[in-house]
Amino acid sequence: MKHYKLPCFCSLLSAGVMLLLVGCTTLEPTPQVGGAPFDDGFLTVVVAPGEGRSCVGTPCSVYYRVPDLGGSVEVIANNFSLGRFPAGETVGLGQYNDPVRIVVPQAGVPPAFVHIPQDIP
């Protein structure tokens, strides 16, 4: 009985699967500190406490101006803690397909809202 080798196919298949898995893990919101990009209201919005904005397209990149309260503050989006960020900085909270409510607990500042229209079937 003769055995045939598939020299590159298996390694290429495994590399493709790994790339697919790495790509899928980047779909979750990934907070980052840095300057805010241009707020176009289509795919990118920047909000601060007490502000509301609409993002027409999805996924929408949401940036938040952390209130200048001194030190670092916890930022929560849709009841999910995104971590602690330096006060006074603009932070990227990730990309969203659903409306977002952003709060800074125990800071006494009003929440920020990002409205993202939902497709109605």
PDB file of N, CA and C in Angstrom:
ATOM      1  N   MET A   1       0.839  -1.166   0.000  1.00  0.00           N
ATOM      2  CA  MET A   1       0.000   0.000   0.000  1.00  0.00           C
ATOM      3  C   MET A   1       0.891   1.239   0.000  1.00  0.00           C
ATOM      4  N   LYS A   2       0.550   2.163  -0.856  1.00  0.00           N
ATOM      5  CA  LYS A   2       1.352   3.364  -0.998  1.00  0.00           C
ATOM      6  C   LYS A   2       0.761   4.487  -0.149  1.00  0.00           C
ATOM      7  N   HIS A   3       1.611   5.226   0.558  1.00  0.00           N
ATOM      8  CA  HIS A   3       1.162   6.372   1.357  1.00  0.00           C
ATOM      9  C   HIS A   3       1.531   7.655   0.629  1.00  0.00           C
ATOM     10  N   TYR A   4       0.566   8.527   0.542  1.00  0.00           N
ATOM     11  CA  TYR A   4       0.820   9.809  -0.106  1.00  0.00           C
ATOM     12  C   TYR A   4       0.931  10.888   0.960  1.00  0.00           C
ATOM     13  N   LYS A   5       1.855  11.778   0.777  1.00  0.00           N
ATOM     14  CA  LYS A   5       2.047  12.874   1.730  1.00  0.00           C
ATOM     15  C   LYS A   5       1.401  14.136   1.176  1.00  0.00           C
ATOM     16  N   LEU A   6       0.822  14.869   2.059  1.00  0.00           N
ATOM     17  CA  LEU A   6       0.291  16.181   1.712  1.00  0.00           C
ATOM     18  C   LEU A   6       1.232  17.204   2.350  1.00  0.00           C
ATOM     19  N   PRO A   7       2.268  17.611   1.649  1.00  0.00           N
ATOM     20  CA  PRO A   7       3.345  18.370   2.262  1.00  0.00           C
ATOM     21  C   PRO A   7       2.926  19.696   2.882  1.00  0.00           C
ATOM     22  N   CYS A   8       2.200  20.499   2.186  1.00  0.00           N
ATOM     23  CA  CYS A   8       1.921  21.847   2.692  1.00  0.00           C
ATOM     24  C   CYS A   8       0.472  22.033   3.113  1.00  0.00           C
ATOM     25  N   PHE A   9      -0.402  21.183   2.629  1.00  0.00           N
ATOM     26  CA  PHE A   9      -1.826  21.412   2.855  1.00  0.00           C
ATOM     27  C   PHE A   9      -2.184  21.489   4.333  1.00  0.00           C
ATOM     28  N   CYS A  10      -1.708  20.545   5.126  1.00  0.00           N
ATOM     29  CA  CYS A  10      -2.057  20.523   6.552  1.00  0.00           C
ATOM     30  C   CYS A  10      -1.506  21.730   7.285  1.00  0.00           C
ATOM     31  N   SER A  11      -0.277  22.109   6.990  1.00  0.00           N
ATOM     32  CA  SER A  11       0.294  23.267   7.680  1.00  0.00           C
ATOM     33  C   SER A  11      -0.394  24.550   7.234  1.00  0.00           C
ATOM     34  N   LEU A  12      -0.762  24.650   5.964  1.00  0.00           N
ATOM     35  CA  LEU A  12      -1.493  25.830   5.497  1.00  0.00           C
ATOM     36  C   LEU A  12      -2.879  25.895   6.125  1.00  0.00           C
ATOM     37  N   LEU A  13      -3.525  24.761   6.251  1.00  0.00           N
ATOM     38  CA  LEU A  13      -4.845  24.717   6.869  1.00  0.00           C
ATOM     39  C   LEU A  13      -4.766  25.155   8.324  1.00  0.00           C
ATOM     40  N   SER A  14      -3.758  24.652   9.069  1.00  0.00           N
ATOM     41  CA  SER A  14      -3.632  25.059  10.475  1.00  0.00           C
ATOM     42  C   SER A  14      -3.309  26.537  10.593  1.00  0.00           C
ATOM     43  N   ALA A  15      -2.489  27.074   9.708  1.00  0.00           N
ATOM     44  CA  ALA A  15      -2.170  28.501   9.751  1.00  0.00           C
ATOM     45  C   ALA A  15      -3.421  29.328   9.472  1.00  0.00           C
ATOM     46  N   GLY A  16      -4.230  28.878   8.521  1.00  0.00           N
ATOM     47  CA  GLY A  16      -5.470  29.589   8.213  1.00  0.00           C
ATOM     48  C   GLY A  16      -6.438  29.591   9.377  1.00  0.00           C
ATOM     49  N   VAL A  17      -6.565  28.463  10.055  1.00  0.00           N
ATOM     50  CA  VAL A  17      -7.443  28.371  11.225  1.00  0.00           C
ATOM     51  C   VAL A  17      -6.951  29.305  12.322  1.00  0.00           C
ATOM     52  N   MET A  18      -5.643  29.357  12.561  1.00  0.00           N
ATOM     53  CA  MET A  18      -5.083  30.244  13.589  1.00  0.00           C
ATOM     54  C   MET A  18      -5.364  31.707  13.261  1.00  0.00           C
ATOM     55  N   LEU A  19      -5.186  32.098  12.000  1.00  0.00           N
ATOM     56  CA  LEU A  19      -5.469  33.479  11.611  1.00  0.00           C
ATOM     57  C   LEU A  19      -6.939  33.808  11.806  1.00  0.00           C
ATOM     58  N   LEU A  20      -7.811  32.882  11.487  1.00  0.00           N
ATOM     59  CA  LEU A  20      -9.238  33.089  11.680  1.00  0.00           C
ATOM     60  C   LEU A  20      -9.561  33.283  13.152  1.00  0.00           C
ATOM     61  N   LEU A  21      -8.979  32.465  14.015  1.00  0.00           N
ATOM     62  CA  LEU A  21      -9.222  32.591  15.455  1.00  0.00           C
ATOM     63  C   LEU A  21      -8.692  33.905  15.997  1.00  0.00           C
ATOM     64  N   VAL A  22      -7.533  34.335  15.560  1.00  0.00           N
ATOM     65  CA  VAL A  22      -6.974  35.609  16.010  1.00  0.00           C
ATOM     66  C   VAL A  22      -7.866  36.748  15.547  1.00  0.00           C
ATOM     67  N   GLY A  23      -8.346  36.690  14.327  1.00  0.00           N
ATOM     68  CA  GLY A  23      -9.229  37.728  13.810  1.00  0.00           C
ATOM     69  C   GLY A  23     -10.526  37.808  14.580  1.00  0.00           C
ATOM     70  N   CYS A  24     -11.078  36.684  14.993  1.00  0.00           N
ATOM     71  CA  CYS A  24     -12.338  36.672  15.728  1.00  0.00           C
ATOM     72  C   CYS A  24     -12.190  37.256  17.123  1.00  0.00           C
ATOM     73  N   THR A  25     -11.045  37.111  17.739  1.00  0.00           N
ATOM     74  CA  THR A  25     -10.879  37.622  19.098  1.00  0.00           C
ATOM     75  C   THR A  25     -10.793  39.133  19.131  1.00  0.00           C
ATOM     76  N   THR A  26     -10.541  39.790  18.010  1.00  0.00           N
ATOM     77  CA  THR A  26     -10.427  41.244  18.014  1.00  0.00           C
ATOM     78  C   THR A  26     -11.772  41.929  17.831  1.00  0.00           C
ATOM     79  N   LEU A  27     -12.867  41.199  17.782  1.00  0.00           N
ATOM     80  CA  LEU A  27     -14.173  41.812  17.595  1.00  0.00           C
ATOM     81  C   LEU A  27     -14.762  42.356  18.884  1.00  0.00           C
ATOM     82  N   GLU A  28     -14.228  41.983  20.026  1.00  0.00           N
ATOM     83  CA  GLU A  28     -14.719  42.491  21.299  1.00  0.00           C
ATOM     84  C   GLU A  28     -14.209  43.907  21.515  1.00  0.00           C
ATOM     85  N   PRO A  29     -14.973  44.723  22.281  1.00  0.00           N
ATOM     86  CA  PRO A  29     -14.478  46.062  22.588  1.00  0.00           C
ATOM     87  C   PRO A  29     -13.115  45.986  23.271  1.00  0.00           C
ATOM     88  N   THR A  30     -12.175  46.773  22.783  1.00  0.00           N
ATOM     89  CA  THR A  30     -10.836  46.804  23.345  1.00  0.00           C
ATOM     90  C   THR A  30     -10.516  48.234  23.751  1.00  0.00           C
ATOM     91  N   PRO A  31     -10.622  48.553  25.044  1.00  0.00           N
ATOM     92  CA  PRO A  31     -10.341  49.916  25.479  1.00  0.00           C
ATOM     93  C   PRO A  31      -8.885  50.302  25.231  1.00  0.00           C
ATOM     94  N   GLN A  32      -8.675  51.579  24.886  1.00  0.00           N
ATOM     95  CA  GLN A  32      -7.328  52.092  24.681  1.00  0.00           C
ATOM     96  C   GLN A  32      -7.300  53.574  25.011  1.00  0.00           C
ATOM     97  N   VAL A  33      -6.169  54.046  25.484  1.00  0.00           N
ATOM     98  CA  VAL A  33      -5.999  55.459  25.801  1.00  0.00           C
ATOM     99  C   VAL A  33      -5.297  56.113  24.634  1.00  0.00           C
ATOM    100  N   GLY A  34      -5.785  57.273  24.238  1.00  0.00           N
ATOM    101  CA  GLY A  34      -5.138  57.983  23.140  1.00  0.00           C
ATOM    102  C   GLY A  34      -6.039  59.071  22.612  1.00  0.00           C
ATOM    103  N   GLY A  35      -5.531  59.844  21.700  1.00  0.00           N
ATOM    104  CA  GLY A  35      -6.296  60.934  21.118  1.00  0.00           C
ATOM    105  C   GLY A  35      -7.482  60.430  20.319  1.00  0.00           C
ATOM    106  N   ALA A  36      -8.528  61.216  20.318  1.00  0.00           N
ATOM    107  CA  ALA A  36      -9.743  60.845  19.596  1.00  0.00           C
ATOM    108  C   ALA A  36      -9.581  61.146  18.116  1.00  0.00           C
ATOM    109  N   PRO A  37     -10.097  60.284  17.277  1.00  0.00           N
ATOM    110  CA  PRO A  37     -10.066  60.544  15.845  1.00  0.00           C
ATOM    111  C   PRO A  37     -11.149  61.552  15.477  1.00  0.00           C
ATOM    112  N   PHE A  38     -11.251  61.851  14.208  1.00  0.00           N
ATOM    113  CA  PHE A  38     -12.295  62.742  13.721  1.00  0.00           C
ATOM    114  C   PHE A  38     -13.661  62.120  13.993  1.00  0.00           C
ATOM    115  N   ASP A  39     -14.523  62.870  14.649  1.00  0.00           N
ATOM    116  CA  ASP A  39     -15.879  62.412  14.979  1.00  0.00           C
ATOM    117  C   ASP A  39     -16.770  62.668  13.773  1.00  0.00           C
ATOM    118  N   ASP A  40     -17.024  61.619  12.982  1.00  0.00           N
ATOM    119  CA  ASP A  40     -17.827  61.805  11.780  1.00  0.00           C
ATOM    120  C   ASP A  40     -19.304  61.489  11.981  1.00  0.00           C
ATOM    121  N   GLY A  41     -19.671  60.918  13.138  1.00  0.00           N
ATOM    122  CA  GLY A  41     -21.070  60.591  13.391  1.00  0.00           C
ATOM    123  C   GLY A  41     -21.582  59.432  12.546  1.00  0.00           C
ATOM    124  N   PHE A  42     -20.725  58.884  11.723  1.00  0.00           N
ATOM    125  CA  PHE A  42     -21.136  57.757  10.892  1.00  0.00           C
ATOM    126  C   PHE A  42     -20.572  56.452  11.445  1.00  0.00           C
ATOM    127  N   LEU A  43     -19.253  56.347  11.530  1.00  0.00           N
ATOM    128  CA  LEU A  43     -18.623  55.149  12.083  1.00  0.00           C
ATOM    129  C   LEU A  43     -17.794  55.447  13.328  1.00  0.00           C
ATOM    130  N   THR A  44     -17.702  56.721  13.714  1.00  0.00           N
ATOM    131  CA  THR A  44     -16.900  57.119  14.869  1.00  0.00           C
ATOM    132  C   THR A  44     -17.597  58.254  15.608  1.00  0.00           C
ATOM    133  N   VAL A  45     -17.717  58.114  16.933  1.00  0.00           N
ATOM    134  CA  VAL A  45     -18.261  59.199  17.751  1.00  0.00           C
ATOM    135  C   VAL A  45     -17.392  59.387  18.994  1.00  0.00           C
ATOM    136  N   VAL A  46     -17.406  60.622  19.499  1.00  0.00           N
ATOM    137  CA  VAL A  46     -16.711  60.962  20.737  1.00  0.00           C
ATOM    138  C   VAL A  46     -17.749  61.582  21.662  1.00  0.00           C
ATOM    139  N   VAL A  47     -17.879  61.037  22.878  1.00  0.00           N
ATOM    140  CA  VAL A  47     -18.834  61.573  23.847  1.00  0.00           C
ATOM    141  C   VAL A  47     -18.126  61.861  25.167  1.00  0.00           C
ATOM    142  N   ALA A  48     -18.751  62.729  25.948  1.00  0.00           N
ATOM    143  CA  ALA A  48     -18.279  63.075  27.289  1.00  0.00           C
ATOM    144  C   ALA A  48     -19.462  62.895  28.234  1.00  0.00           C
ATOM    145  N   PRO A  49     -19.234  62.946  29.536  1.00  0.00           N
ATOM    146  CA  PRO A  49     -20.353  62.808  30.478  1.00  0.00           C
ATOM    147  C   PRO A  49     -21.480  63.795  30.151  1.00  0.00           C
ATOM    148  N   GLY A  50     -22.708  63.284  30.146  1.00  0.00           N
ATOM    149  CA  GLY A  50     -23.878  64.116  29.884  1.00  0.00           C
ATOM    150  C   GLY A  50     -24.184  64.335  28.419  1.00  0.00           C
ATOM    151  N   GLU A  51     -23.366  63.820  27.526  1.00  0.00           N
ATOM    152  CA  GLU A  51     -23.590  64.006  26.096  1.00  0.00           C
ATOM    153  C   GLU A  51     -24.242  62.773  25.482  1.00  0.00           C
ATOM    154  N   GLY A  52     -24.941  62.999  24.390  1.00  0.00           N
ATOM    155  CA  GLY A  52     -25.525  61.917  23.611  1.00  0.00           C
ATOM    156  C   GLY A  52     -25.213  62.142  22.151  1.00  0.00           C
ATOM    157  N   ARG A  53     -24.844  61.091  21.449  1.00  0.00           N
ATOM    158  CA  ARG A  53     -24.530  61.177  20.021  1.00  0.00           C
ATOM    159  C   ARG A  53     -25.149  59.985  19.313  1.00  0.00           C
ATOM    160  N   SER A  54     -25.318  60.142  18.016  1.00  0.00           N
ATOM    161  CA  SER A  54     -25.795  59.036  17.187  1.00  0.00           C
ATOM    162  C   SER A  54     -24.689  58.613  16.243  1.00  0.00           C
ATOM    163  N   CYS A  55     -24.614  57.333  16.028  1.00  0.00           N
ATOM    164  CA  CYS A  55     -23.666  56.763  15.076  1.00  0.00           C
ATOM    165  C   CYS A  55     -24.517  56.070  14.018  1.00  0.00           C
ATOM    166  N   VAL A  56     -24.425  56.525  12.796  1.00  0.00           N
ATOM    167  CA  VAL A  56     -25.296  56.017  11.742  1.00  0.00           C
ATOM    168  C   VAL A  56     -24.896  54.625  11.272  1.00  0.00           C
ATOM    169  N   GLY A  57     -23.609  54.366  11.173  1.00  0.00           N
ATOM    170  CA  GLY A  57     -23.140  53.080  10.662  1.00  0.00           C
ATOM    171  C   GLY A  57     -22.689  52.144  11.765  1.00  0.00           C
ATOM    172  N   THR A  58     -22.525  50.887  11.402  1.00  0.00           N
ATOM    173  CA  THR A  58     -22.002  49.901  12.342  1.00  0.00           C
ATOM    174  C   THR A  58     -20.910  49.100  11.655  1.00  0.00           C
ATOM    175  N   PRO A  59     -19.929  48.628  12.398  1.00  0.00           N
ATOM    176  CA  PRO A  59     -19.744  48.868  13.823  1.00  0.00           C
ATOM    177  C   PRO A  59     -19.291  50.306  14.072  1.00  0.00           C
ATOM    178  N   CYS A  60     -19.683  50.843  15.206  1.00  0.00           N
ATOM    179  CA  CYS A  60     -19.382  52.226  15.563  1.00  0.00           C
ATOM    180  C   CYS A  60     -18.229  52.252  16.567  1.00  0.00           C
ATOM    181  N   SER A  61     -17.175  52.979  16.242  1.00  0.00           N
ATOM    182  CA  SER A  61     -16.051  53.159  17.170  1.00  0.00           C
ATOM    183  C   SER A  61     -16.425  54.257  18.155  1.00  0.00           C
ATOM    184  N   VAL A  62     -16.435  53.913  19.446  1.00  0.00           N
ATOM    185  CA  VAL A  62     -16.868  54.849  20.486  1.00  0.00           C
ATOM    186  C   VAL A  62     -15.658  55.303  21.299  1.00  0.00           C
ATOM    187  N   TYR A  63     -15.507  56.625  21.399  1.00  0.00           N
ATOM    188  CA  TYR A  63     -14.458  57.231  22.218  1.00  0.00           C
ATOM    189  C   TYR A  63     -15.130  58.038  23.322  1.00  0.00           C
ATOM    190  N   TYR A  64     -14.501  58.055  24.496  1.00  0.00           N
ATOM    191  CA  TYR A  64     -15.086  58.712  25.670  1.00  0.00           C
ATOM    192  C   TYR A  64     -14.059  59.635  26.305  1.00  0.00           C
ATOM    193  N   ARG A  65     -14.486  60.877  26.566  1.00  0.00           N
ATOM    194  CA  ARG A  65     -13.632  61.829  27.284  1.00  0.00           C
ATOM    195  C   ARG A  65     -13.835  61.599  28.773  1.00  0.00           C
ATOM    196  N   VAL A  66     -12.861  60.985  29.407  1.00  0.00           N
ATOM    197  CA  VAL A  66     -12.951  60.672  30.837  1.00  0.00           C
ATOM    198  C   VAL A  66     -12.944  61.985  31.613  1.00  0.00           C
ATOM    199  N   PRO A  67     -13.894  62.160  32.555  1.00  0.00           N
ATOM    200  CA  PRO A  67     -13.925  63.408  33.325  1.00  0.00           C
ATOM    201  C   PRO A  67     -12.634  63.604  34.116  1.00  0.00           C
ATOM    202  N   ASP A  68     -12.226  64.858  34.235  1.00  0.00           N
ATOM    203  CA  ASP A  68     -10.983  65.186  34.937  1.00  0.00           C
ATOM    204  C   ASP A  68     -11.249  65.240  36.433  1.00  0.00           C
ATOM    205  N   LEU A  69     -11.187  64.077  37.065  1.00  0.00           N
ATOM    206  CA  LEU A  69     -11.480  63.967  38.493  1.00  0.00           C
ATOM    207  C   LEU A  69     -10.218  63.703  39.307  1.00  0.00           C
ATOM    208  N   GLY A  70      -9.077  63.664  38.660  1.00  0.00           N
ATOM    209  CA  GLY A  70      -7.826  63.352  39.349  1.00  0.00           C
ATOM    210  C   GLY A  70      -7.645  61.851  39.466  1.00  0.00           C
ATOM    211  N   GLY A  71      -6.440  61.394  39.277  1.00  0.00           N
ATOM    212  CA  GLY A  71      -6.171  59.957  39.368  1.00  0.00           C
ATOM    213  C   GLY A  71      -6.750  59.207  38.187  1.00  0.00           C
ATOM    214  N   SER A  72      -7.195  57.996  38.443  1.00  0.00           N
ATOM    215  CA  SER A  72      -7.829  57.203  37.393  1.00  0.00           C
ATOM    216  C   SER A  72      -9.243  56.858  37.833  1.00  0.00           C
ATOM    217  N   VAL A  73     -10.114  56.646  36.855  1.00  0.00           N
ATOM    218  CA  VAL A  73     -11.514  56.350  37.162  1.00  0.00           C
ATOM    219  C   VAL A  73     -11.953  55.108  36.402  1.00  0.00           C
ATOM    220  N   GLU A  74     -12.904  54.392  36.981  1.00  0.00           N
ATOM    221  CA  GLU A  74     -13.468  53.217  36.323  1.00  0.00           C
ATOM    222  C   GLU A  74     -14.517  53.669  35.316  1.00  0.00           C
ATOM    223  N   VAL A  75     -14.497  53.072  34.136  1.00  0.00           N
ATOM    224  CA  VAL A  75     -15.480  53.371  33.091  1.00  0.00           C
ATOM    225  C   VAL A  75     -16.276  52.102  32.826  1.00  0.00           C
ATOM    226  N   ILE A  76     -17.605  52.256  32.812  1.00  0.00           N
ATOM    227  CA  ILE A  76     -18.508  51.126  32.584  1.00  0.00           C
ATOM    228  C   ILE A  76     -19.369  51.433  31.360  1.00  0.00           C
ATOM    229  N   ALA A  77     -19.436  50.483  30.427  1.00  0.00           N
ATOM    230  CA  ALA A  77     -20.288  50.616  29.243  1.00  0.00           C
ATOM    231  C   ALA A  77     -21.270  49.453  29.235  1.00  0.00           C
ATOM    232  N   ASN A  78     -22.554  49.788  29.198  1.00  0.00           N
ATOM    233  CA  ASN A  78     -23.613  48.766  29.178  1.00  0.00           C
ATOM    234  C   ASN A  78     -23.441  47.746  30.304  1.00  0.00           C
ATOM    235  N   ASN A  79     -23.204  48.248  31.503  1.00  0.00           N
ATOM    236  CA  ASN A  79     -23.061  47.426  32.718  1.00  0.00           C
ATOM    237  C   ASN A  79     -21.850  46.498  32.695  1.00  0.00           C
ATOM    238  N   PHE A  80     -20.876  46.784  31.857  1.00  0.00           N
ATOM    239  CA  PHE A  80     -19.655  45.977  31.775  1.00  0.00           C
ATOM    240  C   PHE A  80     -18.454  46.878  32.044  1.00  0.00           C
ATOM    241  N   SER A  81     -17.670  46.550  33.067  1.00  0.00           N
ATOM    242  CA  SER A  81     -16.505  47.366  33.409  1.00  0.00           C
ATOM    243  C   SER A  81     -15.423  47.216  32.346  1.00  0.00           C
ATOM    244  N   LEU A  82     -14.993  48.352  31.798  1.00  0.00           N
ATOM    245  CA  LEU A  82     -13.943  48.349  30.786  1.00  0.00           C
ATOM    246  C   LEU A  82     -12.570  48.601  31.388  1.00  0.00           C
ATOM    247  N   GLY A  83     -12.535  48.938  32.679  1.00  0.00           N
ATOM    248  CA  GLY A  83     -11.253  49.162  33.345  1.00  0.00           C
ATOM    249  C   GLY A  83     -11.136  50.568  33.897  1.00  0.00           C
ATOM    250  N   ARG A  84      -9.946  50.889  34.397  1.00  0.00           N
ATOM    251  CA  ARG A  84      -9.654  52.210  34.955  1.00  0.00           C
ATOM    252  C   ARG A  84      -8.811  52.981  33.942  1.00  0.00           C
ATOM    253  N   PHE A  85      -9.140  54.269  33.787  1.00  0.00           N
ATOM    254  CA  PHE A  85      -8.463  55.111  32.806  1.00  0.00           C
ATOM    255  C   PHE A  85      -8.036  56.419  33.447  1.00  0.00           C
ATOM    256  N   PRO A  86      -6.968  57.035  32.924  1.00  0.00           N
ATOM    257  CA  PRO A  86      -6.503  58.304  33.479  1.00  0.00           C
ATOM    258  C   PRO A  86      -7.547  59.405  33.285  1.00  0.00           C
ATOM    259  N   ALA A  87      -7.749  60.188  34.328  1.00  0.00           N
ATOM    260  CA  ALA A  87      -8.706  61.296  34.258  1.00  0.00           C
ATOM    261  C   ALA A  87      -8.246  62.314  33.213  1.00  0.00           C
ATOM    262  N   GLY A  88      -9.219  62.889  32.514  1.00  0.00           N
ATOM    263  CA  GLY A  88      -8.930  63.925  31.532  1.00  0.00           C
ATOM    264  C   GLY A  88      -8.489  63.418  30.170  1.00  0.00           C
ATOM    265  N   GLU A  89      -8.364  62.115  29.983  1.00  0.00           N
ATOM    266  CA  GLU A  89      -7.934  61.542  28.698  1.00  0.00           C
ATOM    267  C   GLU A  89      -9.144  61.138  27.854  1.00  0.00           C
ATOM    268  N   THR A  90      -8.933  61.046  26.554  1.00  0.00           N
ATOM    269  CA  THR A  90      -9.938  60.478  25.659  1.00  0.00           C
ATOM    270  C   THR A  90      -9.540  59.034  25.402  1.00  0.00           C
ATOM    271  N   VAL A  91     -10.478  58.117  25.650  1.00  0.00           N
ATOM    272  CA  VAL A  91     -10.172  56.693  25.521  1.00  0.00           C
ATOM    273  C   VAL A  91     -11.087  56.039  24.492  1.00  0.00           C
ATOM    274  N   GLY A  92     -10.527  55.110  23.742  1.00  0.00           N
ATOM    275  CA  GLY A  92     -11.314  54.320  22.802  1.00  0.00           C
ATOM    276  C   GLY A  92     -11.933  53.156  23.547  1.00  0.00           C
ATOM    277  N   LEU A  93     -13.245  53.040  23.479  1.00  0.00           N
ATOM    278  CA  LEU A  93     -13.944  51.981  24.208  1.00  0.00           C
ATOM    279  C   LEU A  93     -14.227  50.760  23.348  1.00  0.00           C
ATOM    280  N   GLY A  94     -13.909  50.822  22.073  1.00  0.00           N
ATOM    281  CA  GLY A  94     -14.125  49.686  21.197  1.00  0.00           C
ATOM    282  C   GLY A  94     -15.184  49.977  20.151  1.00  0.00           C
ATOM    283  N   GLN A  95     -15.592  48.938  19.445  1.00  0.00           N
ATOM    284  CA  GLN A  95     -16.596  49.055  18.392  1.00  0.00           C
ATOM    285  C   GLN A  95     -17.875  48.374  18.841  1.00  0.00           C
ATOM    286  N   TYR A  96     -18.993  49.033  18.563  1.00  0.00           N
ATOM    287  CA  TYR A  96     -20.290  48.544  19.027  1.00  0.00           C
ATOM    288  C   TYR A  96     -21.284  48.491  17.877  1.00  0.00           C
ATOM    289  N   ASN A  97     -22.212  47.535  17.983  1.00  0.00           N
ATOM    290  CA  ASN A  97     -23.318  47.410  17.033  1.00  0.00           C
ATOM    291  C   ASN A  97     -24.650  47.744  17.683  1.00  0.00           C
ATOM    292  N   ASP A  98     -24.643  47.938  18.991  1.00  0.00           N
ATOM    293  CA  ASP A  98     -25.856  48.240  19.751  1.00  0.00           C
ATOM    294  C   ASP A  98     -25.658  49.538  20.522  1.00  0.00           C
ATOM    295  N   PRO A  99     -26.763  50.177  20.956  1.00  0.00           N
ATOM    296  CA  PRO A  99     -26.643  51.413  21.733  1.00  0.00           C
ATOM    297  C   PRO A  99     -25.755  51.225  22.965  1.00  0.00           C
ATOM    298  N   VAL A 100     -25.086  52.313  23.369  1.00  0.00           N
ATOM    299  CA  VAL A 100     -24.125  52.254  24.468  1.00  0.00           C
ATOM    300  C   VAL A 100     -24.476  53.302  25.521  1.00  0.00           C
ATOM    301  N   ARG A 101     -24.455  52.879  26.782  1.00  0.00           N
ATOM    302  CA  ARG A 101     -24.617  53.789  27.926  1.00  0.00           C
ATOM    303  C   ARG A 101     -23.319  53.715  28.715  1.00  0.00           C
ATOM    304  N   ILE A 102     -22.666  54.874  28.880  1.00  0.00           N
ATOM    305  CA  ILE A 102     -21.355  54.926  29.532  1.00  0.00           C
ATOM    306  C   ILE A 102     -21.486  55.678  30.848  1.00  0.00           C
ATOM    307  N   VAL A 103     -21.005  55.061  31.929  1.00  0.00           N
ATOM    308  CA  VAL A 103     -21.066  55.697  33.247  1.00  0.00           C
ATOM    309  C   VAL A 103     -19.705  55.605  33.938  1.00  0.00           C
ATOM    310  N   VAL A 104     -19.503  56.562  34.844  1.00  0.00           N
ATOM    311  CA  VAL A 104     -18.350  56.542  35.744  1.00  0.00           C
ATOM    312  C   VAL A 104     -18.949  56.471  37.141  1.00  0.00           C
ATOM    313  N   PRO A 105     -18.957  55.276  37.755  1.00  0.00           N
ATOM    314  CA  PRO A 105     -19.638  55.105  39.036  1.00  0.00           C
ATOM    315  C   PRO A 105     -19.024  55.965  40.138  1.00  0.00           C
ATOM    316  N   GLN A 106     -19.884  56.436  41.011  1.00  0.00           N
ATOM    317  CA  GLN A 106     -19.510  57.204  42.196  1.00  0.00           C
ATOM    318  C   GLN A 106     -18.730  58.466  41.863  1.00  0.00           C
ATOM    319  N   ALA A 107     -18.905  59.015  40.655  1.00  0.00           N
ATOM    320  CA  ALA A 107     -18.198  60.240  40.284  1.00  0.00           C
ATOM    321  C   ALA A 107     -19.128  61.439  40.256  1.00  0.00           C
ATOM    322  N   GLY A 108     -20.436  61.182  40.305  1.00  0.00           N
ATOM    323  CA  GLY A 108     -21.390  62.286  40.280  1.00  0.00           C
ATOM    324  C   GLY A 108     -21.504  62.968  38.929  1.00  0.00           C
ATOM    325  N   VAL A 109     -21.114  62.287  37.856  1.00  0.00           N
ATOM    326  CA  VAL A 109     -21.260  62.856  36.516  1.00  0.00           C
ATOM    327  C   VAL A 109     -22.358  62.096  35.781  1.00  0.00           C
ATOM    328  N   PRO A 110     -23.114  62.797  34.919  1.00  0.00           N
ATOM    329  CA  PRO A 110     -24.200  62.122  34.200  1.00  0.00           C
ATOM    330  C   PRO A 110     -23.654  61.134  33.168  1.00  0.00           C
ATOM    331  N   PRO A 111     -24.446  60.112  32.842  1.00  0.00           N
ATOM    332  CA  PRO A 111     -23.999  59.135  31.840  1.00  0.00           C
ATOM    333  C   PRO A 111     -23.930  59.750  30.442  1.00  0.00           C
ATOM    334  N   ALA A 112     -23.174  59.114  29.579  1.00  0.00           N
ATOM    335  CA  ALA A 112     -23.115  59.475  28.165  1.00  0.00           C
ATOM    336  C   ALA A 112     -23.823  58.369  27.386  1.00  0.00           C
ATOM    337  N   PHE A 113     -24.420  58.750  26.272  1.00  0.00           N
ATOM    338  CA  PHE A 113     -25.169  57.787  25.465  1.00  0.00           C
ATOM    339  C   PHE A 113     -24.715  57.843  24.013  1.00  0.00           C
ATOM    340  N   VAL A 114     -24.656  56.682  23.379  1.00  0.00           N
ATOM    341  CA  VAL A 114     -24.428  56.602  21.939  1.00  0.00           C
ATOM    342  C   VAL A 114     -25.574  55.786  21.370  1.00  0.00           C
ATOM    343  N   HIS A 115     -26.357  56.431  20.507  1.00  0.00           N
ATOM    344  CA  HIS A 115     -27.485  55.752  19.872  1.00  0.00           C
ATOM    345  C   HIS A 115     -27.004  55.151  18.555  1.00  0.00           C
ATOM    346  N   ILE A 116     -27.243  53.868  18.404  1.00  0.00           N
ATOM    347  CA  ILE A 116     -26.901  53.169  17.167  1.00  0.00           C
ATOM    348  C   ILE A 116     -28.190  52.535  16.654  1.00  0.00           C
ATOM    349  N   PRO A 117     -28.739  53.059  15.549  1.00  0.00           N
ATOM    350  CA  PRO A 117     -30.006  52.525  15.045  1.00  0.00           C
ATOM    351  C   PRO A 117     -29.915  51.033  14.748  1.00  0.00           C
ATOM    352  N   GLN A 118     -30.988  50.337  15.050  1.00  0.00           N
ATOM    353  CA  GLN A 118     -31.055  48.897  14.807  1.00  0.00           C
ATOM    354  C   GLN A 118     -31.850  48.645  13.534  1.00  0.00           C
ATOM    355  N   ASP A 119     -31.372  47.697  12.727  1.00  0.00           N
ATOM    356  CA  ASP A 119     -32.115  47.312  11.527  1.00  0.00           C
ATOM    357  C   ASP A 119     -33.378  46.582  11.945  1.00  0.00           C
ATOM    358  N   ILE A 120     -34.493  46.962  11.334  1.00  0.00           N
ATOM    359  CA  ILE A 120     -35.767  46.306  11.632  1.00  0.00           C
ATOM    360  C   ILE A 120     -36.099  45.380  10.468  1.00  0.00           C
ATOM    361  N   PRO A 121     -36.222  44.072  10.751  1.00  0.00           N
ATOM    362  CA  PRO A 121     -36.489  43.127   9.650  1.00  0.00           C
ATOM    363  C   PRO A 121     -37.853  43.305   9.039  1.00  0.00           C
TER     364      PRO A 121
END
